[in-house]
C-alpha atoms as a PDB file:
ATOM      1  CA  MET A   1    -146.312  82.934 210.716  1.00  0.00           C
ATOM      2  CA  ASN A   2    -149.017  82.116 208.183  1.00  0.00           C
ATOM      3  CA  THR A   3    -149.776  85.773 207.517  1.00  0.00           C
ATOM      4  CA  PRO A   4    -147.454  87.347 204.946  1.00  0.00           C
ATOM      5  CA  LEU A   5    -145.234  90.165 206.203  1.00  0.00           C
ATOM      6  CA  VAL A   6    -145.460  93.301 204.081  1.00  0.00           C
ATOM      7  CA  GLY A   7    -143.320  96.397 204.442  1.00  0.00           C
ATOM      8  CA  ASN A   8    -141.047  98.893 202.793  1.00  0.00           C
ATOM      9  CA  CYS A   9    -137.475  97.953 201.999  1.00  0.00           C
ATOM     10  CA  TRP A  10    -134.514  99.466 203.841  1.00  0.00           C
ATOM     11  CA  LYS A  11    -131.489  98.494 201.743  1.00  0.00           C
ATOM     12  CA  TYR A  12    -127.914  98.168 203.009  1.00  0.00           C
ATOM     13  CA  ASP A  13    -124.631  96.915 201.579  1.00  0.00           C
ATOM     14  CA  ASP A  14    -122.248  94.128 202.577  1.00  0.00           C
ATOM     15  CA  ASN A  15    -120.572  93.728 205.978  1.00  0.00           C
ATOM     16  CA  ILE A  16    -123.037  95.640 208.138  1.00  0.00           C
ATOM     17  CA  ASP A  17    -121.510  94.848 211.515  1.00  0.00           C
ATOM     18  CA  THR A  18    -123.066  94.814 214.960  1.00  0.00           C
ATOM     19  CA  ASP A  19    -121.220  98.040 215.869  1.00  0.00           C
ATOM     20  CA  VAL A  20    -123.089  99.766 213.043  1.00  0.00           C
ATOM     21  CA  ILE A  21    -126.421  98.125 213.875  1.00  0.00           C
ATOM     22  CA  ILE A  22    -126.183  99.340 217.464  1.00  0.00           C
ATOM     23  CA  PRO A  23    -123.099 101.435 218.326  1.00  0.00           C
ATOM     24  CA  ALA A  24    -121.171 100.322 221.411  1.00  0.00           C
ATOM     25  CA  ARG A  25    -121.816 103.661 223.138  1.00  0.00           C
ATOM     26  CA  TYR A  26    -125.441 102.542 223.663  1.00  0.00           C
ATOM     27  CA  LEU A  27    -124.707  99.126 225.141  1.00  0.00           C
ATOM     28  CA  ASN A  28    -125.096 100.408 228.686  1.00  0.00           C
ATOM     29  CA  THR A  29    -128.851  99.804 228.408  1.00  0.00           C
ATOM     30  CA  SER A  30    -130.992  96.758 227.833  1.00  0.00           C
ATOM     31  CA  ASP A  31    -134.114  98.854 227.205  1.00  0.00           C
ATOM     32  CA  GLU A  32    -135.350  97.644 223.830  1.00  0.00           C
ATOM     33  CA  LYS A  33    -136.991 100.942 222.804  1.00  0.00           C
ATOM     34  CA  GLU A  34    -133.829 102.859 223.681  1.00  0.00           C
ATOM     35  CA  LEU A  35    -131.758 100.463 221.573  1.00  0.00           C
ATOM     36  CA  ALA A  36    -134.238 100.819 218.702  1.00  0.00           C
ATOM     37  CA  SER A  37    -133.950 104.615 218.837  1.00  0.00           C
ATOM     38  CA  HIS A  38    -130.253 104.302 217.908  1.00  0.00           C
ATOM     39  CA  CYS A  39    -130.500 101.410 215.457  1.00  0.00           C
ATOM     40  CA  LEU A  40    -128.298 101.920 212.382  1.00  0.00           C
ATOM     41  CA  GLU A  41    -127.765 105.609 213.201  1.00  0.00           C
ATOM     42  CA  ASP A  42    -124.073 105.599 212.248  1.00  0.00           C
ATOM     43  CA  ILE A  43    -124.837 104.633 208.631  1.00  0.00           C
ATOM     44  CA  ASP A  44    -128.414 105.873 208.232  1.00  0.00           C
ATOM     45  CA  LYS A  45    -129.500 108.836 210.359  1.00  0.00           C
ATOM     46  CA  THR A  46    -133.051 108.487 208.991  1.00  0.00           C
ATOM     47  CA  PHE A  47    -133.681 104.855 209.919  1.00  0.00           C
ATOM     48  CA  ALA A  48    -134.733 105.043 213.578  1.00  0.00           C
ATOM     49  CA  GLN A  49    -137.015 108.046 212.985  1.00  0.00           C
ATOM     50  CA  ASN A  50    -138.639 106.751 209.806  1.00  0.00           C
ATOM     51  CA  VAL A  51    -138.819 102.961 210.016  1.00  0.00           C
ATOM     52  CA  LYS A  52    -142.405 101.734 210.234  1.00  0.00           C
ATOM     53  CA  GLU A  53    -143.766  98.651 211.950  1.00  0.00           C
ATOM     54  CA  GLY A  54    -143.450  95.785 209.464  1.00  0.00           C
ATOM     55  CA  ASP A  55    -140.672  97.289 207.340  1.00  0.00           C
ATOM     56  CA  ILE A  56    -138.014  94.952 205.996  1.00  0.00           C
ATOM     57  CA  ILE A  57    -134.225  95.201 205.892  1.00  0.00           C
ATOM     58  CA  VAL A  58    -132.555  93.846 202.764  1.00  0.00           C
ATOM     59  CA  ALA A  59    -128.773  93.619 202.774  1.00  0.00           C
ATOM     60  CA  GLY A  60    -125.727  92.127 201.114  1.00  0.00           C
ATOM     61  CA  GLU A  61    -123.175  89.624 202.370  1.00  0.00           C
ATOM     62  CA  ASN A  62    -122.147  89.011 205.975  1.00  0.00           C
ATOM     63  CA  PHE A  63    -124.906  90.980 207.699  1.00  0.00           C
ATOM     64  CA  GLY A  64    -124.370  91.168 211.458  1.00  0.00           C
ATOM     65  CA  CYS A  65    -120.653  90.480 211.439  1.00  0.00           C
ATOM     66  CA  GLY A  66    -118.492  91.667 214.320  1.00  0.00           C
ATOM     67  CA  SER A  67    -119.122  91.104 217.987  1.00  0.00           C
ATOM     68  CA  SER A  68    -121.589  88.556 219.297  1.00  0.00           C
ATOM     69  CA  ARG A  69    -123.843  91.031 221.107  1.00  0.00           C
ATOM     70  CA  GLU A  70    -127.491  90.164 220.952  1.00  0.00           C
ATOM     71  CA  HIS A  71    -128.288  93.868 221.309  1.00  0.00           C
ATOM     72  CA  ALA A  72    -128.042  94.105 217.497  1.00  0.00           C
ATOM     73  CA  PRO A  73    -130.985  91.869 216.555  1.00  0.00           C
ATOM     74  CA  ILE A  74    -132.920  93.211 219.552  1.00  0.00           C
ATOM     75  CA  ALA A  75    -132.468  96.790 218.266  1.00  0.00           C
ATOM     76  CA  ILE A  76    -133.651  95.745 214.801  1.00  0.00           C
ATOM     77  CA  LYS A  77    -136.679  93.817 216.057  1.00  0.00           C
ATOM     78  CA  SER A  78    -137.629  96.560 218.524  1.00  0.00           C
ATOM     79  CA  SER A  79    -137.497  99.161 215.768  1.00  0.00           C
ATOM     80  CA  GLY A  80    -140.428  97.397 214.122  1.00  0.00           C
ATOM     81  CA  VAL A  81    -138.590  95.516 211.375  1.00  0.00           C
ATOM     82  CA  SER A  82    -140.514  92.329 210.602  1.00  0.00           C
ATOM     83  CA  VAL A  83    -137.758  90.405 208.801  1.00  0.00           C
ATOM     84  CA  VAL A  84    -134.164  90.796 207.611  1.00  0.00           C
ATOM     85  CA  ILE A  85    -133.194  89.305 204.253  1.00  0.00           C
ATOM     86  CA  ALA A  86    -129.521  89.216 203.300  1.00  0.00           C
ATOM     87  CA  LYS A  87    -127.197  87.408 200.940  1.00  0.00           C
ATOM     88  CA  SER A  88    -125.595  85.898 204.050  1.00  0.00           C
ATOM     89  CA  PHE A  89    -125.432  86.417 207.804  1.00  0.00           C
ATOM     90  CA  ALA A  90    -122.632  86.198 210.311  1.00  0.00           C
ATOM     91  CA  ARG A  91    -123.102  82.923 212.191  1.00  0.00           C
ATOM     92  CA  ILE A  92    -123.617  84.370 215.685  1.00  0.00           C
ATOM     93  CA  PHE A  93    -125.980  87.113 214.467  1.00  0.00           C
ATOM     94  CA  PHE A  94    -127.965  84.426 212.631  1.00  0.00           C
ATOM     95  CA  ARG A  95    -128.454  82.382 215.803  1.00  0.00           C
ATOM     96  CA  ASN A  96    -129.063  85.410 218.040  1.00  0.00           C
ATOM     97  CA  SER A  97    -131.806  86.549 215.649  1.00  0.00           C
ATOM     98  CA  ILE A  98    -133.591  83.226 215.818  1.00  0.00           C
ATOM     99  CA  ASN A  99    -133.172  83.110 219.605  1.00  0.00           C
ATOM    100  CA  ILE A 100    -134.946  86.462 220.043  1.00  0.00           C
ATOM    101  CA  GLY A 101    -137.600  85.724 217.397  1.00  0.00           C
ATOM    102  CA  LEU A 102    -136.366  88.011 214.606  1.00  0.00           C
ATOM    103  CA  PRO A 103    -137.118  86.299 211.290  1.00  0.00           C
ATOM    104  CA  ILE A 104    -134.192  86.196 208.860  1.00  0.00           C
ATOM    105  CA  LEU A 105    -133.866  84.782 205.363  1.00  0.00           C
ATOM    106  CA  GLU A 106    -131.001  84.419 202.924  1.00  0.00           C
ATOM    107  CA  HIS A 107    -131.219  85.075 199.204  1.00  0.00           C
ATOM    108  CA  PRO A 108    -128.305  85.576 196.790  1.00  0.00           C
ATOM    109  CA  THR A 109    -129.792  88.225 194.463  1.00  0.00           C
ATOM    110  CA  LEU A 110    -132.676  90.037 196.187  1.00  0.00           C
ATOM    111  CA  CYS A 111    -130.423  92.836 197.466  1.00  0.00           C
ATOM    112  CA  ASP A 112    -129.086  93.475 193.963  1.00  0.00           C
ATOM    113  CA  GLU A 113    -132.576  93.679 192.487  1.00  0.00           C
ATOM    114  CA  CYS A 114    -134.410  95.940 194.927  1.00  0.00           C
ATOM    115  CA  ASP A 115    -134.267  99.558 195.993  1.00  0.00           C
ATOM    116  CA  LYS A 116    -134.946 101.392 199.207  1.00  0.00           C
ATOM    117  CA  GLY A 117    -138.680 101.944 199.510  1.00  0.00           C
ATOM    118  CA  ASP A 118    -139.741  98.962 197.397  1.00  0.00           C
ATOM    119  CA  LYS A 119    -142.783  97.198 198.828  1.00  0.00           C
ATOM    120  CA  ILE A 120    -141.726  93.686 199.894  1.00  0.00           C
ATOM    121  CA  CYS A 121    -143.991  90.770 200.865  1.00  0.00           C
ATOM    122  CA  VAL A 122    -142.560  87.791 202.752  1.00  0.00           C
ATOM    123  CA  ASP A 123    -144.247  84.418 203.253  1.00  0.00           C
ATOM    124  CA  LEU A 124    -142.026  82.897 205.960  1.00  0.00           C
ATOM    125  CA  LYS A 125    -143.915  79.616 206.061  1.00  0.00           C
ATOM    126  CA  ASN A 126    -143.163  78.882 202.409  1.00  0.00           C
ATOM    127  CA  GLY A 127    -139.939  80.871 201.993  1.00  0.00           C
ATOM    128  CA  ILE A 128    -141.360  83.121 199.290  1.00  0.00           C
ATOM    129  CA  VAL A 129    -140.370  86.777 198.955  1.00  0.00           C
ATOM    130  CA  LYS A 130    -142.094  89.097 196.499  1.00  0.00           C
ATOM    131  CA  ASN A 131    -140.932  92.533 195.471  1.00  0.00           C
ATOM    132  CA  LEU A 132    -144.380  93.991 194.831  1.00  0.00           C
ATOM    133  CA  THR A 133    -142.923  97.200 193.402  1.00  0.00           C
ATOM    134  CA  LYS A 134    -140.914  95.380 190.722  1.00  0.00           C
ATOM    135  CA  ASN A 135    -143.265  92.387 190.388  1.00  0.00           C
ATOM    136  CA  LYS A 136    -140.515  89.824 191.088  1.00  0.00           C
ATOM    137  CA  GLU A 137    -140.644  86.658 193.175  1.00  0.00           C
ATOM    138  CA  TYR A 138    -137.813  84.919 195.023  1.00  0.00           C
ATOM    139  CA  ILE A 139    -137.608  81.528 196.695  1.00  0.00           C
ATOM    140  CA  CYS A 140    -135.628  81.292 199.941  1.00  0.00           C
ATOM    141  CA  GLU A 141    -134.829  78.229 201.975  1.00  0.00           C
ATOM    142  CA  LYS A 142    -137.518  78.095 204.625  1.00  0.00           C
ATOM    143  CA  PHE A 143    -136.834  77.156 208.221  1.00  0.00           C
ATOM    144  CA  PRO A 144    -137.916  73.792 209.610  1.00  0.00           C
ATOM    145  CA  GLN A 145    -141.292  73.912 211.376  1.00  0.00           C
ATOM    146  CA  GLU A 146    -139.731  73.859 214.848  1.00  0.00           C
ATOM    147  CA  ILE A 147    -137.659  76.989 214.093  1.00  0.00           C
ATOM    148  CA  GLN A 148    -140.703  78.648 212.529  1.00  0.00           C
ATOM    149  CA  ASP A 149    -142.611  77.894 215.743  1.00  0.00           C
ATOM    150  CA  LEU A 150    -139.760  79.323 217.843  1.00  0.00           C
ATOM    151  CA  ILE A 151    -139.792  82.565 215.836  1.00  0.00           C
ATOM    152  CA  ALA A 152    -143.606  82.743 215.961  1.00  0.00           C
ATOM    153  CA  GLN A 153    -143.475  82.424 219.774  1.00  0.00           C
ATOM    154  CA  GLY A 154    -141.187  85.478 219.912  1.00  0.00           C
ATOM    155  CA  GLY A 155    -137.947  83.631 220.577  1.00  0.00           C
ATOM    156  CA  LEU A 156    -136.309  80.843 222.515  1.00  0.00           C
ATOM    157  CA  ILE A 157    -137.444  81.923 225.996  1.00  0.00           C
ATOM    158  CA  ASN A 158    -141.143  82.083 225.097  1.00  0.00           C
ATOM    159  CA  TYR A 159    -140.879  78.902 223.029  1.00  0.00           C
ATOM    160  CA  THR A 160    -139.283  77.018 225.941  1.00  0.00           C
ATOM    161  CA  LYS A 161    -141.870  78.302 228.413  1.00  0.00           C
ATOM    162  CA  LYS A 162    -144.645  77.060 226.130  1.00  0.00           C
ATOM    163  CA  LYS A 163    -142.957  73.675 225.700  1.00  0.00           C
ATOM    164  CA  LEU A 164    -142.631  73.333 229.463  1.00  0.00           C
ATOM    165  CA  GLY A 165    -146.232  74.385 229.994  1.00  0.00           C
ATOM    166  CA  ALA A 166    -145.255  77.476 231.978  1.00  0.00           C
END
């Protein structure tokens, strides 16, 4: 996680729930690419077709609210999104994201000060986010090293396997 993540901003409002992130009608599969192909389609028909590897979601309050399905962060991560930054996250979505290795950060004003398509650079190790388009810098609370390692390993399962020497 020492390499900065750089991508285009996909901006969303408050209360983006897990039913919007991945609609329930697609929960009959665990295929990550299939989930990614339907990610956010009920609020943004262009997302799944146009998101690029490394792009970044920026959102308002309470991102990932709703049901506790881990399909939601899996769909986001599998779509190529490198990090989600929101004003706040629903508690279960927050933990599910870490568990599957999807980096997430909270910041109170970033969403209000960026636009879709802005070029964003994220230094997860130091908790620094830069809007390169608007030449603004933001400081986020960084994760403890152990959580950073867990995310870098791709999630809890890979992290545990490494710890156990498997």
